[in-house]
Amino acid sequence: MRVLIVDDATVLRKLIRMTLEEIGHEVVGEAENGFKAILKCADLKPDVIFLDITMPEMDGLTAIPKLIEKNPSVKIVVCSALGQKAMIVQAIKSGAVNFIVKPFEKETIKKVMQVI
């Protein structure tokens, strides 16, 4: 699958990228906020987006409906810190298909990709 990774933390983007590539997925791009993700989504046409909730410029919750508008078939996996349950619920209601809680293990990413 073609994946776009959106997180303001470079180290987390690298961890997600390494894990996805290890299991055979193509990371087509990275973005550090929702605004840049929307711009890239139109051109890159990812199948899956790993999307952080809390980011500068445009957060993940604001970006979800705009990303789906650009690419209606995209599957969005929200990445969230512990204690953001209300935001996760809101993300799912907005169109996200799954979520992972930070900090996470590589195995968590593998499991999420198996069910998408």
PDB file of N, CA and C in Angstrom:
ATOM      1  N   MET A   1       0.839  -1.196   0.000  1.00  0.00           N
ATOM      2  CA  MET A   1       0.000   0.000   0.000  1.00  0.00           C
ATOM      3  C   MET A   1       0.874   1.247   0.000  1.00  0.00           C
ATOM      4  N   ARG A   2       0.341   2.307  -0.560  1.00  0.00           N
ATOM      5  CA  ARG A   2       1.020   3.604  -0.607  1.00  0.00           C
ATOM      6  C   ARG A   2       0.620   4.399   0.635  1.00  0.00           C
ATOM      7  N   VAL A   3       1.620   4.878   1.389  1.00  0.00           N
ATOM      8  CA  VAL A   3       1.344   5.496   2.689  1.00  0.00           C
ATOM      9  C   VAL A   3       1.953   6.896   2.774  1.00  0.00           C
ATOM     10  N   LEU A   4       1.185   7.816   3.351  1.00  0.00           N
ATOM     11  CA  LEU A   4       1.645   9.160   3.696  1.00  0.00           C
ATOM     12  C   LEU A   4       1.706   9.233   5.220  1.00  0.00           C
ATOM     13  N   ILE A   5       2.822   9.701   5.753  1.00  0.00           N
ATOM     14  CA  ILE A   5       3.008   9.808   7.201  1.00  0.00           C
ATOM     15  C   ILE A   5       2.974  11.279   7.588  1.00  0.00           C
ATOM     16  N   VAL A   6       2.089  11.631   8.545  1.00  0.00           N
ATOM     17  CA  VAL A   6       1.926  13.023   8.957  1.00  0.00           C
ATOM     18  C   VAL A   6       2.108  13.133  10.465  1.00  0.00           C
ATOM     19  N   ASP A   7       3.213  13.742  10.872  1.00  0.00           N
ATOM     20  CA  ASP A   7       3.518  13.926  12.292  1.00  0.00           C
ATOM     21  C   ASP A   7       4.553  15.031  12.398  1.00  0.00           C
ATOM     22  N   ASP A   8       4.435  15.878  13.399  1.00  0.00           N
ATOM     23  CA  ASP A   8       5.415  16.951  13.546  1.00  0.00           C
ATOM     24  C   ASP A   8       6.728  16.462  14.159  1.00  0.00           C
ATOM     25  N   ALA A   9       6.762  15.242  14.683  1.00  0.00           N
ATOM     26  CA  ALA A   9       7.980  14.672  15.273  1.00  0.00           C
ATOM     27  C   ALA A   9       8.734  13.839  14.225  1.00  0.00           C
ATOM     28  N   THR A  10       9.895  14.319  13.828  1.00  0.00           N
ATOM     29  CA  THR A  10      10.698  13.641  12.812  1.00  0.00           C
ATOM     30  C   THR A  10      11.010  12.204  13.204  1.00  0.00           C
ATOM     31  N   VAL A  11      11.352  11.976  14.463  1.00  0.00           N
ATOM     32  CA  VAL A  11      11.728  10.634  14.900  1.00  0.00           C
ATOM     33  C   VAL A  11      10.564   9.648  14.763  1.00  0.00           C
ATOM     34  N   LEU A  12       9.353  10.092  15.016  1.00  0.00           N
ATOM     35  CA  LEU A  12       8.187   9.214  14.857  1.00  0.00           C
ATOM     36  C   LEU A  12       7.911   8.928  13.384  1.00  0.00           C
ATOM     37  N   ARG A  13       8.078   9.934  12.543  1.00  0.00           N
ATOM     38  CA  ARG A  13       7.904   9.691  11.104  1.00  0.00           C
ATOM     39  C   ARG A  13       8.905   8.642  10.626  1.00  0.00           C
ATOM     40  N   LYS A  14      10.142   8.727  11.089  1.00  0.00           N
ATOM     41  CA  LYS A  14      11.171   7.759  10.687  1.00  0.00           C
ATOM     42  C   LYS A  14      10.844   6.356  11.198  1.00  0.00           C
ATOM     43  N   LEU A  15      10.368   6.251  12.438  1.00  0.00           N
ATOM     44  CA  LEU A  15      10.013   4.946  13.005  1.00  0.00           C
ATOM     45  C   LEU A  15       8.873   4.308  12.206  1.00  0.00           C
ATOM     46  N   ILE A  16       7.849   5.091  11.909  1.00  0.00           N
ATOM     47  CA  ILE A  16       6.715   4.571  11.140  1.00  0.00           C
ATOM     48  C   ILE A  16       7.184   4.171   9.744  1.00  0.00           C
ATOM     49  N   ARG A  17       8.003   5.015   9.107  1.00  0.00           N
ATOM     50  CA  ARG A  17       8.522   4.724   7.763  1.00  0.00           C
ATOM     51  C   ARG A  17       9.297   3.407   7.757  1.00  0.00           C
ATOM     52  N   MET A  18      10.236   3.256   8.683  1.00  0.00           N
ATOM     53  CA  MET A  18      11.050   2.036   8.734  1.00  0.00           C
ATOM     54  C   MET A  18      10.184   0.797   8.891  1.00  0.00           C
ATOM     55  N   THR A  19       9.210   0.878   9.782  1.00  0.00           N
ATOM     56  CA  THR A  19       8.333  -0.269  10.037  1.00  0.00           C
ATOM     57  C   THR A  19       7.512  -0.612   8.798  1.00  0.00           C
ATOM     58  N   LEU A  20       6.917   0.382   8.177  1.00  0.00           N
ATOM     59  CA  LEU A  20       6.104   0.138   6.982  1.00  0.00           C
ATOM     60  C   LEU A  20       6.932  -0.441   5.849  1.00  0.00           C
ATOM     61  N   GLU A  21       8.123   0.094   5.649  1.00  0.00           N
ATOM     62  CA  GLU A  21       8.978  -0.410   4.574  1.00  0.00           C
ATOM     63  C   GLU A  21       9.450  -1.829   4.859  1.00  0.00           C
ATOM     64  N   GLU A  22       9.697  -2.147   6.137  1.00  0.00           N
ATOM     65  CA  GLU A  22      10.096  -3.512   6.523  1.00  0.00           C
ATOM     66  C   GLU A  22       9.040  -4.533   6.140  1.00  0.00           C
ATOM     67  N   ILE A  23       7.774  -4.132   6.225  1.00  0.00           N
ATOM     68  CA  ILE A  23       6.696  -5.093   5.944  1.00  0.00           C
ATOM     69  C   ILE A  23       6.147  -4.948   4.519  1.00  0.00           C
ATOM     70  N   GLY A  24       6.875  -4.192   3.682  1.00  0.00           N
ATOM     71  CA  GLY A  24       6.561  -4.187   2.262  1.00  0.00           C
ATOM     72  C   GLY A  24       5.657  -3.087   1.746  1.00  0.00           C
ATOM     73  N   HIS A  25       5.415  -2.061   2.541  1.00  0.00           N
ATOM     74  CA  HIS A  25       4.579  -0.954   2.075  1.00  0.00           C
ATOM     75  C   HIS A  25       5.457   0.173   1.536  1.00  0.00           C
ATOM     76  N   GLU A  26       4.904   0.975   0.641  1.00  0.00           N
ATOM     77  CA  GLU A  26       5.631   2.086   0.039  1.00  0.00           C
ATOM     78  C   GLU A  26       5.230   3.396   0.720  1.00  0.00           C
ATOM     79  N   VAL A  27       6.196   4.050   1.336  1.00  0.00           N
ATOM     80  CA  VAL A  27       5.938   5.365   1.922  1.00  0.00           C
ATOM     81  C   VAL A  27       6.158   6.387   0.808  1.00  0.00           C
ATOM     82  N   VAL A  28       5.067   7.015   0.390  1.00  0.00           N
ATOM     83  CA  VAL A  28       5.137   7.929  -0.747  1.00  0.00           C
ATOM     84  C   VAL A  28       5.439   9.364  -0.334  1.00  0.00           C
ATOM     85  N   GLY A  29       5.340   9.643   0.973  1.00  0.00           N
ATOM     86  CA  GLY A  29       5.636  10.995   1.428  1.00  0.00           C
ATOM     87  C   GLY A  29       5.476  11.163   2.915  1.00  0.00           C
ATOM     88  N   GLU A  30       5.963  12.307   3.393  1.00  0.00           N
ATOM     89  CA  GLU A  30       5.852  12.691   4.794  1.00  0.00           C
ATOM     90  C   GLU A  30       5.451  14.157   4.853  1.00  0.00           C
ATOM     91  N   ALA A  31       4.757  14.523   5.928  1.00  0.00           N
ATOM     92  CA  ALA A  31       4.395  15.923   6.164  1.00  0.00           C
ATOM     93  C   ALA A  31       4.438  16.181   7.662  1.00  0.00           C
ATOM     94  N   GLU A  32       4.719  17.430   8.041  1.00  0.00           N
ATOM     95  CA  GLU A  32       4.824  17.742   9.463  1.00  0.00           C
ATOM     96  C   GLU A  32       3.593  18.422  10.048  1.00  0.00           C
ATOM     97  N   ASN A  33       2.549  18.608   9.221  1.00  0.00           N
ATOM     98  CA  ASN A  33       1.282  19.129   9.749  1.00  0.00           C
ATOM     99  C   ASN A  33       0.157  18.830   8.758  1.00  0.00           C
ATOM    100  N   GLY A  34      -1.066  19.060   9.203  1.00  0.00           N
ATOM    101  CA  GLY A  34      -2.227  18.748   8.386  1.00  0.00           C
ATOM    102  C   GLY A  34      -2.311  19.541   7.101  1.00  0.00           C
ATOM    103  N   PHE A  35      -1.920  20.809   7.148  1.00  0.00           N
ATOM    104  CA  PHE A  35      -1.976  21.654   5.959  1.00  0.00           C
ATOM    105  C   PHE A  35      -1.088  21.088   4.850  1.00  0.00           C
ATOM    106  N   LYS A  36       0.151  20.726   5.192  1.00  0.00           N
ATOM    107  CA  LYS A  36       1.070  20.168   4.198  1.00  0.00           C
ATOM    108  C   LYS A  36       0.593  18.796   3.727  1.00  0.00           C
ATOM    109  N   ALA A  37      -0.050  18.041   4.616  1.00  0.00           N
ATOM    110  CA  ALA A  37      -0.581  16.727   4.241  1.00  0.00           C
ATOM    111  C   ALA A  37      -1.663  16.865   3.171  1.00  0.00           C
ATOM    112  N   ILE A  38      -2.524  17.852   3.325  1.00  0.00           N
ATOM    113  CA  ILE A  38      -3.597  18.072   2.343  1.00  0.00           C
ATOM    114  C   ILE A  38      -3.008  18.382   0.970  1.00  0.00           C
ATOM    115  N   LEU A  39      -1.989  19.223   0.945  1.00  0.00           N
ATOM    116  CA  LEU A  39      -1.333  19.566  -0.324  1.00  0.00           C
ATOM    117  C   LEU A  39      -0.713  18.324  -0.964  1.00  0.00           C
ATOM    118  N   LYS A  40      -0.076  17.486  -0.156  1.00  0.00           N
ATOM    119  CA  LYS A  40       0.587  16.291  -0.685  1.00  0.00           C
ATOM    120  C   LYS A  40      -0.402  15.198  -1.069  1.00  0.00           C
ATOM    121  N   CYS A  41      -1.514  15.116  -0.355  1.00  0.00           N
ATOM    122  CA  CYS A  41      -2.499  14.049  -0.583  1.00  0.00           C
ATOM    123  C   CYS A  41      -3.052  14.101  -2.007  1.00  0.00           C
ATOM    124  N   ALA A  42      -3.296  15.289  -2.502  1.00  0.00           N
ATOM    125  CA  ALA A  42      -3.850  15.430  -3.848  1.00  0.00           C
ATOM    126  C   ALA A  42      -2.895  14.880  -4.909  1.00  0.00           C
ATOM    127  N   ASP A  43      -1.606  15.118  -4.734  1.00  0.00           N
ATOM    128  CA  ASP A  43      -0.617  14.672  -5.719  1.00  0.00           C
ATOM    129  C   ASP A  43      -0.211  13.210  -5.527  1.00  0.00           C
ATOM    130  N   LEU A  44      -0.032  12.792  -4.274  1.00  0.00           N
ATOM    131  CA  LEU A  44       0.524  11.468  -3.992  1.00  0.00           C
ATOM    132  C   LEU A  44      -0.507  10.342  -4.029  1.00  0.00           C
ATOM    133  N   LYS A  45      -1.768  10.662  -3.809  1.00  0.00           N
ATOM    134  CA  LYS A  45      -2.849   9.670  -3.806  1.00  0.00           C
ATOM    135  C   LYS A  45      -2.523   8.440  -2.946  1.00  0.00           C
ATOM    136  N   PRO A  46      -2.254   8.641  -1.646  1.00  0.00           N
ATOM    137  CA  PRO A  46      -1.943   7.496  -0.791  1.00  0.00           C
ATOM    138  C   PRO A  46      -3.175   6.625  -0.531  1.00  0.00           C
ATOM    139  N   ASP A  47      -2.934   5.357  -0.234  1.00  0.00           N
ATOM    140  CA  ASP A  47      -4.006   4.449   0.173  1.00  0.00           C
ATOM    141  C   ASP A  47      -4.297   4.615   1.661  1.00  0.00           C
ATOM    142  N   VAL A  48      -3.232   4.932   2.418  1.00  0.00           N
ATOM    143  CA  VAL A  48      -3.310   5.038   3.882  1.00  0.00           C
ATOM    144  C   VAL A  48      -2.556   6.285   4.326  1.00  0.00           C
ATOM    145  N   ILE A  49      -3.096   6.960   5.344  1.00  0.00           N
ATOM    146  CA  ILE A  49      -2.394   8.077   5.973  1.00  0.00           C
ATOM    147  C   ILE A  49      -2.295   7.802   7.465  1.00  0.00           C
ATOM    148  N   PHE A  50      -1.077   7.831   7.990  1.00  0.00           N
ATOM    149  CA  PHE A  50      -0.856   7.815   9.438  1.00  0.00           C
ATOM    150  C   PHE A  50      -0.825   9.277   9.856  1.00  0.00           C
ATOM    151  N   LEU A  51      -1.758   9.684  10.719  1.00  0.00           N
ATOM    152  CA  LEU A  51      -1.987  11.099  11.004  1.00  0.00           C
ATOM    153  C   LEU A  51      -1.949  11.390  12.503  1.00  0.00           C
ATOM    154  N   ASP A  52      -1.015  12.232  12.912  1.00  0.00           N
ATOM    155  CA  ASP A  52      -0.954  12.701  14.291  1.00  0.00           C
ATOM    156  C   ASP A  52      -2.141  13.634  14.538  1.00  0.00           C
ATOM    157  N   ILE A  53      -2.569  13.741  15.778  1.00  0.00           N
ATOM    158  CA  ILE A  53      -3.667  14.656  16.098  1.00  0.00           C
ATOM    159  C   ILE A  53      -3.132  16.049  16.429  1.00  0.00           C
ATOM    160  N   THR A  54      -2.159  16.127  17.323  1.00  0.00           N
ATOM    161  CA  THR A  54      -1.666  17.409  17.803  1.00  0.00           C
ATOM    162  C   THR A  54      -0.450  17.847  16.993  1.00  0.00           C
ATOM    163  N   MET A  55      -0.652  18.864  16.153  1.00  0.00           N
ATOM    164  CA  MET A  55       0.426  19.394  15.317  1.00  0.00           C
ATOM    165  C   MET A  55       0.229  20.900  15.152  1.00  0.00           C
ATOM    166  N   PRO A  56       1.317  21.615  14.868  1.00  0.00           N
ATOM    167  CA  PRO A  56       1.182  23.056  14.602  1.00  0.00           C
ATOM    168  C   PRO A  56       0.560  23.317  13.231  1.00  0.00           C
ATOM    169  N   GLU A  57       0.124  24.519  13.020  1.00  0.00           N
ATOM    170  CA  GLU A  57      -0.437  25.010  11.757  1.00  0.00           C
ATOM    171  C   GLU A  57      -1.817  24.433  11.458  1.00  0.00           C
ATOM    172  N   MET A  58      -1.946  23.094  11.375  1.00  0.00           N
ATOM    173  CA  MET A  58      -3.259  22.460  11.250  1.00  0.00           C
ATOM    174  C   MET A  58      -3.198  21.086  11.901  1.00  0.00           C
ATOM    175  N   ASP A  59      -4.069  20.872  12.896  1.00  0.00           N
ATOM    176  CA  ASP A  59      -4.063  19.592  13.602  1.00  0.00           C
ATOM    177  C   ASP A  59      -4.756  18.504  12.782  1.00  0.00           C
ATOM    178  N   GLY A  60      -4.606  17.273  13.252  1.00  0.00           N
ATOM    179  CA  GLY A  60      -5.158  16.131  12.542  1.00  0.00           C
ATOM    180  C   GLY A  60      -6.668  16.130  12.457  1.00  0.00           C
ATOM    181  N   LEU A  61      -7.339  16.564  13.525  1.00  0.00           N
ATOM    182  CA  LEU A  61      -8.805  16.568  13.516  1.00  0.00           C
ATOM    183  C   LEU A  61      -9.355  17.507  12.444  1.00  0.00           C
ATOM    184  N   THR A  62      -8.717  18.635  12.277  1.00  0.00           N
ATOM    185  CA  THR A  62      -9.133  19.586  11.244  1.00  0.00           C
ATOM    186  C   THR A  62      -8.835  19.032   9.854  1.00  0.00           C
ATOM    187  N   ALA A  63      -7.728  18.310   9.745  1.00  0.00           N
ATOM    188  CA  ALA A  63      -7.281  17.807   8.440  1.00  0.00           C
ATOM    189  C   ALA A  63      -8.102  16.617   7.922  1.00  0.00           C
ATOM    190  N   ILE A  64      -8.638  15.788   8.815  1.00  0.00           N
ATOM    191  CA  ILE A  64      -9.305  14.548   8.381  1.00  0.00           C
ATOM    192  C   ILE A  64     -10.354  14.770   7.288  1.00  0.00           C
ATOM    193  N   PRO A  65     -11.360  15.628   7.506  1.00  0.00           N
ATOM    194  CA  PRO A  65     -12.374  15.775   6.446  1.00  0.00           C
ATOM    195  C   PRO A  65     -11.793  16.339   5.141  1.00  0.00           C
ATOM    196  N   LYS A  66     -10.793  17.194   5.241  1.00  0.00           N
ATOM    197  CA  LYS A  66     -10.182  17.767   4.051  1.00  0.00           C
ATOM    198  C   LYS A  66      -9.376  16.719   3.283  1.00  0.00           C
ATOM    199  N   LEU A  67      -8.708  15.815   4.016  1.00  0.00           N
ATOM    200  CA  LEU A  67      -7.959  14.731   3.374  1.00  0.00           C
ATOM    201  C   LEU A  67      -8.906  13.772   2.663  1.00  0.00           C
ATOM    202  N   ILE A  68     -10.015  13.450   3.309  1.00  0.00           N
ATOM    203  CA  ILE A  68     -11.005  12.555   2.702  1.00  0.00           C
ATOM    204  C   ILE A  68     -11.635  13.213   1.476  1.00  0.00           C
ATOM    205  N   GLU A  69     -11.833  14.520   1.537  1.00  0.00           N
ATOM    206  CA  GLU A  69     -12.379  15.244   0.379  1.00  0.00           C
ATOM    207  C   GLU A  69     -11.421  15.151  -0.814  1.00  0.00           C
ATOM    208  N   LYS A  70     -10.118  15.258  -0.554  1.00  0.00           N
ATOM    209  CA  LYS A  70      -9.108  15.174  -1.626  1.00  0.00           C
ATOM    210  C   LYS A  70      -8.983  13.756  -2.183  1.00  0.00           C
ATOM    211  N   ASN A  71      -9.179  12.764  -1.295  1.00  0.00           N
ATOM    212  CA  ASN A  71      -8.980  11.368  -1.683  1.00  0.00           C
ATOM    213  C   ASN A  71     -10.003  10.515  -0.919  1.00  0.00           C
ATOM    214  N   PRO A  72     -11.237  10.395  -1.438  1.00  0.00           N
ATOM    215  CA  PRO A  72     -12.315   9.725  -0.710  1.00  0.00           C
ATOM    216  C   PRO A  72     -12.048   8.274  -0.308  1.00  0.00           C
ATOM    217  N   SER A  73     -11.161   7.587  -0.991  1.00  0.00           N
ATOM    218  CA  SER A  73     -10.904   6.182  -0.659  1.00  0.00           C
ATOM    219  C   SER A  73      -9.774   5.991   0.354  1.00  0.00           C
ATOM    220  N   VAL A  74      -9.141   7.076   0.786  1.00  0.00           N
ATOM    221  CA  VAL A  74      -8.000   6.959   1.701  1.00  0.00           C
ATOM    222  C   VAL A  74      -8.444   6.437   3.077  1.00  0.00           C
ATOM    223  N   LYS A  75      -7.600   5.609   3.667  1.00  0.00           N
ATOM    224  CA  LYS A  75      -7.828   5.091   5.019  1.00  0.00           C
ATOM    225  C   LYS A  75      -6.923   5.870   5.960  1.00  0.00           C
ATOM    226  N   ILE A  76      -7.500   6.514   6.964  1.00  0.00           N
ATOM    227  CA  ILE A  76      -6.715   7.329   7.895  1.00  0.00           C
ATOM    228  C   ILE A  76      -6.573   6.609   9.226  1.00  0.00           C
ATOM    229  N   VAL A  77      -5.322   6.463   9.666  1.00  0.00           N
ATOM    230  CA  VAL A  77      -5.002   5.880  10.965  1.00  0.00           C
ATOM    231  C   VAL A  77      -4.476   7.017  11.834  1.00  0.00           C
ATOM    232  N   VAL A  78      -5.173   7.315  12.911  1.00  0.00           N
ATOM    233  CA  VAL A  78      -4.793   8.399  13.806  1.00  0.00           C
ATOM    234  C   VAL A  78      -3.754   7.905  14.803  1.00  0.00           C
ATOM    235  N   CYS A  79      -2.730   8.717  15.014  1.00  0.00           N
ATOM    236  CA  CYS A  79      -1.702   8.436  16.013  1.00  0.00           C
ATOM    237  C   CYS A  79      -1.888   9.446  17.131  1.00  0.00           C
ATOM    238  N   SER A  80      -2.087   8.961  18.349  1.00  0.00           N
ATOM    239  CA  SER A  80      -2.434   9.853  19.446  1.00  0.00           C
ATOM    240  C   SER A  80      -1.704   9.469  20.723  1.00  0.00           C
ATOM    241  N   ALA A  81      -1.446  10.454  21.535  1.00  0.00           N
ATOM    242  CA  ALA A  81      -0.857  10.200  22.844  1.00  0.00           C
ATOM    243  C   ALA A  81      -1.934   9.700  23.802  1.00  0.00           C
ATOM    244  N   LEU A  82      -1.518   8.991  24.825  1.00  0.00           N
ATOM    245  CA  LEU A  82      -2.446   8.555  25.865  1.00  0.00           C
ATOM    246  C   LEU A  82      -3.173   9.761  26.434  1.00  0.00           C
ATOM    247  N   GLY A  83      -4.415   9.575  26.827  1.00  0.00           N
ATOM    248  CA  GLY A  83      -5.152  10.663  27.439  1.00  0.00           C
ATOM    249  C   GLY A  83      -5.906  11.530  26.460  1.00  0.00           C
ATOM    250  N   GLN A  84      -5.932  11.164  25.213  1.00  0.00           N
ATOM    251  CA  GLN A  84      -6.656  11.943  24.208  1.00  0.00           C
ATOM    252  C   GLN A  84      -7.851  11.166  23.677  1.00  0.00           C
ATOM    253  N   LYS A  85      -8.507  10.410  24.556  1.00  0.00           N
ATOM    254  CA  LYS A  85      -9.606   9.543  24.129  1.00  0.00           C
ATOM    255  C   LYS A  85     -10.707  10.313  23.397  1.00  0.00           C
ATOM    256  N   ALA A  86     -11.081  11.478  23.902  1.00  0.00           N
ATOM    257  CA  ALA A  86     -12.143  12.261  23.258  1.00  0.00           C
ATOM    258  C   ALA A  86     -11.743  12.653  21.835  1.00  0.00           C
ATOM    259  N   MET A  87     -10.476  12.969  21.648  1.00  0.00           N
ATOM    260  CA  MET A  87     -10.004  13.338  20.305  1.00  0.00           C
ATOM    261  C   MET A  87     -10.011  12.132  19.372  1.00  0.00           C
ATOM    262  N   ILE A  88      -9.675  10.963  19.896  1.00  0.00           N
ATOM    263  CA  ILE A  88      -9.702   9.743  19.088  1.00  0.00           C
ATOM    264  C   ILE A  88     -11.132   9.459  18.627  1.00  0.00           C
ATOM    265  N   VAL A  89     -12.073   9.564  19.548  1.00  0.00           N
ATOM    266  CA  VAL A  89     -13.488   9.348  19.217  1.00  0.00           C
ATOM    267  C   VAL A  89     -13.922  10.333  18.127  1.00  0.00           C
ATOM    268  N   GLN A  90     -13.538  11.586  18.279  1.00  0.00           N
ATOM    269  CA  GLN A  90     -13.883  12.602  17.277  1.00  0.00           C
ATOM    270  C   GLN A  90     -13.250  12.273  15.926  1.00  0.00           C
ATOM    271  N   ALA A  91     -12.009  11.776  15.950  1.00  0.00           N
ATOM    272  CA  ALA A  91     -11.317  11.421  14.706  1.00  0.00           C
ATOM    273  C   ALA A  91     -12.040  10.285  13.979  1.00  0.00           C
ATOM    274  N   ILE A  92     -12.475   9.284  14.731  1.00  0.00           N
ATOM    275  CA  ILE A  92     -13.201   8.154  14.140  1.00  0.00           C
ATOM    276  C   ILE A  92     -14.524   8.648  13.548  1.00  0.00           C
ATOM    277  N   LYS A  93     -15.224   9.519  14.268  1.00  0.00           N
ATOM    278  CA  LYS A  93     -16.482  10.069  13.765  1.00  0.00           C
ATOM    279  C   LYS A  93     -16.269  10.895  12.494  1.00  0.00           C
ATOM    280  N   SER A  94     -15.081  11.486  12.363  1.00  0.00           N
ATOM    281  CA  SER A  94     -14.766  12.316  11.197  1.00  0.00           C
ATOM    282  C   SER A  94     -14.322  11.495   9.991  1.00  0.00           C
ATOM    283  N   GLY A  95     -14.048  10.188  10.213  1.00  0.00           N
ATOM    284  CA  GLY A  95     -13.689   9.353   9.075  1.00  0.00           C
ATOM    285  C   GLY A  95     -12.438   8.507   9.228  1.00  0.00           C
ATOM    286  N   ALA A  96     -11.704   8.658  10.330  1.00  0.00           N
ATOM    287  CA  ALA A  96     -10.532   7.800  10.541  1.00  0.00           C
ATOM    288  C   ALA A  96     -11.003   6.356  10.716  1.00  0.00           C
ATOM    289  N   VAL A  97     -10.202   5.394  10.252  1.00  0.00           N
ATOM    290  CA  VAL A  97     -10.611   3.992  10.313  1.00  0.00           C
ATOM    291  C   VAL A  97      -9.988   3.234  11.486  1.00  0.00           C
ATOM    292  N   ASN A  98      -8.922   3.786  12.067  1.00  0.00           N
ATOM    293  CA  ASN A  98      -8.255   3.106  13.174  1.00  0.00           C
ATOM    294  C   ASN A  98      -7.377   4.110  13.893  1.00  0.00           C
ATOM    295  N   PHE A  99      -6.801   3.688  15.018  1.00  0.00           N
ATOM    296  CA  PHE A  99      -5.893   4.566  15.745  1.00  0.00           C
ATOM    297  C   PHE A  99      -4.830   3.730  16.449  1.00  0.00           C
ATOM    298  N   ILE A 100      -3.706   4.373  16.694  1.00  0.00           N
ATOM    299  CA  ILE A 100      -2.665   3.782  17.532  1.00  0.00           C
ATOM    300  C   ILE A 100      -2.298   4.807  18.587  1.00  0.00           C
ATOM    301  N   VAL A 101      -1.960   4.316  19.769  1.00  0.00           N
ATOM    302  CA  VAL A 101      -1.629   5.190  20.885  1.00  0.00           C
ATOM    303  C   VAL A 101      -0.113   5.284  21.015  1.00  0.00           C
ATOM    304  N   LYS A 102       0.379   6.511  21.113  1.00  0.00           N
ATOM    305  CA  LYS A 102       1.812   6.758  21.329  1.00  0.00           C
ATOM    306  C   LYS A 102       2.122   6.626  22.815  1.00  0.00           C
ATOM    307  N   PRO A 103       3.261   6.144  23.196  1.00  0.00           N
ATOM    308  CA  PRO A 103       4.264   5.519  22.338  1.00  0.00           C
ATOM    309  C   PRO A 103       3.792   4.128  21.920  1.00  0.00           C
ATOM    310  N   PHE A 104       4.226   3.684  20.753  1.00  0.00           N
ATOM    311  CA  PHE A 104       3.776   2.398  20.240  1.00  0.00           C
ATOM    312  C   PHE A 104       4.966   1.557  19.811  1.00  0.00           C
ATOM    313  N   GLU A 105       4.722   0.272  19.693  1.00  0.00           N
ATOM    314  CA  GLU A 105       5.735  -0.670  19.231  1.00  0.00           C
ATOM    315  C   GLU A 105       5.543  -0.896  17.730  1.00  0.00           C
ATOM    316  N   LYS A 106       6.579  -1.358  17.081  1.00  0.00           N
ATOM    317  CA  LYS A 106       6.487  -1.660  15.649  1.00  0.00           C
ATOM    318  C   LYS A 106       5.368  -2.659  15.367  1.00  0.00           C
ATOM    319  N   GLU A 107       5.188  -3.597  16.272  1.00  0.00           N
ATOM    320  CA  GLU A 107       4.165  -4.632  16.102  1.00  0.00           C
ATOM    321  C   GLU A 107       2.764  -4.029  15.970  1.00  0.00           C
ATOM    322  N   THR A 108       2.527  -2.904  16.654  1.00  0.00           N
ATOM    323  CA  THR A 108       1.228  -2.232  16.586  1.00  0.00           C
ATOM    324  C   THR A 108       0.949  -1.748  15.165  1.00  0.00           C
ATOM    325  N   ILE A 109       1.943  -1.171  14.526  1.00  0.00           N
ATOM    326  CA  ILE A 109       1.788  -0.690  13.149  1.00  0.00           C
ATOM    327  C   ILE A 109       1.510  -1.870  12.223  1.00  0.00           C
ATOM    328  N   LYS A 110       2.235  -2.959  12.423  1.00  0.00           N
ATOM    329  CA  LYS A 110       2.030  -4.146  11.587  1.00  0.00           C
ATOM    330  C   LYS A 110       0.606  -4.668  11.723  1.00  0.00           C
ATOM    331  N   LYS A 111       0.092  -4.719  12.944  1.00  0.00           N
ATOM    332  CA  LYS A 111      -1.271  -5.212  13.170  1.00  0.00           C
ATOM    333  C   LYS A 111      -2.314  -4.319  12.513  1.00  0.00           C
ATOM    334  N   VAL A 112      -2.130  -3.006  12.628  1.00  0.00           N
ATOM    335  CA  VAL A 112      -3.076  -2.068  12.026  1.00  0.00           C
ATOM    336  C   VAL A 112      -3.096  -2.237  10.506  1.00  0.00           C
ATOM    337  N   MET A 113      -1.928  -2.388   9.897  1.00  0.00           N
ATOM    338  CA  MET A 113      -1.868  -2.531   8.445  1.00  0.00           C
ATOM    339  C   MET A 113      -2.485  -3.849   7.969  1.00  0.00           C
ATOM    340  N   GLN A 114      -2.478  -4.864   8.808  1.00  0.00           N
ATOM    341  CA  GLN A 114      -3.070  -6.155   8.418  1.00  0.00           C
ATOM    342  C   GLN A 114      -4.587  -6.068   8.299  1.00  0.00           C
ATOM    343  N   VAL A 115      -5.211  -5.174   9.065  1.00  0.00           N
ATOM    344  CA  VAL A 115      -6.676  -5.121   9.064  1.00  0.00           C
ATOM    345  C   VAL A 115      -7.230  -4.023   8.131  1.00  0.00           C
ATOM    346  N   ILE A 116      -6.358  -3.265   7.507  1.00  0.00           N
ATOM    347  CA  ILE A 116      -6.836  -2.205   6.589  1.00  0.00           C
ATOM    348  C   ILE A 116      -7.123  -2.825   5.227  1.00  0.00           C
TER     349      ILE A 116
END
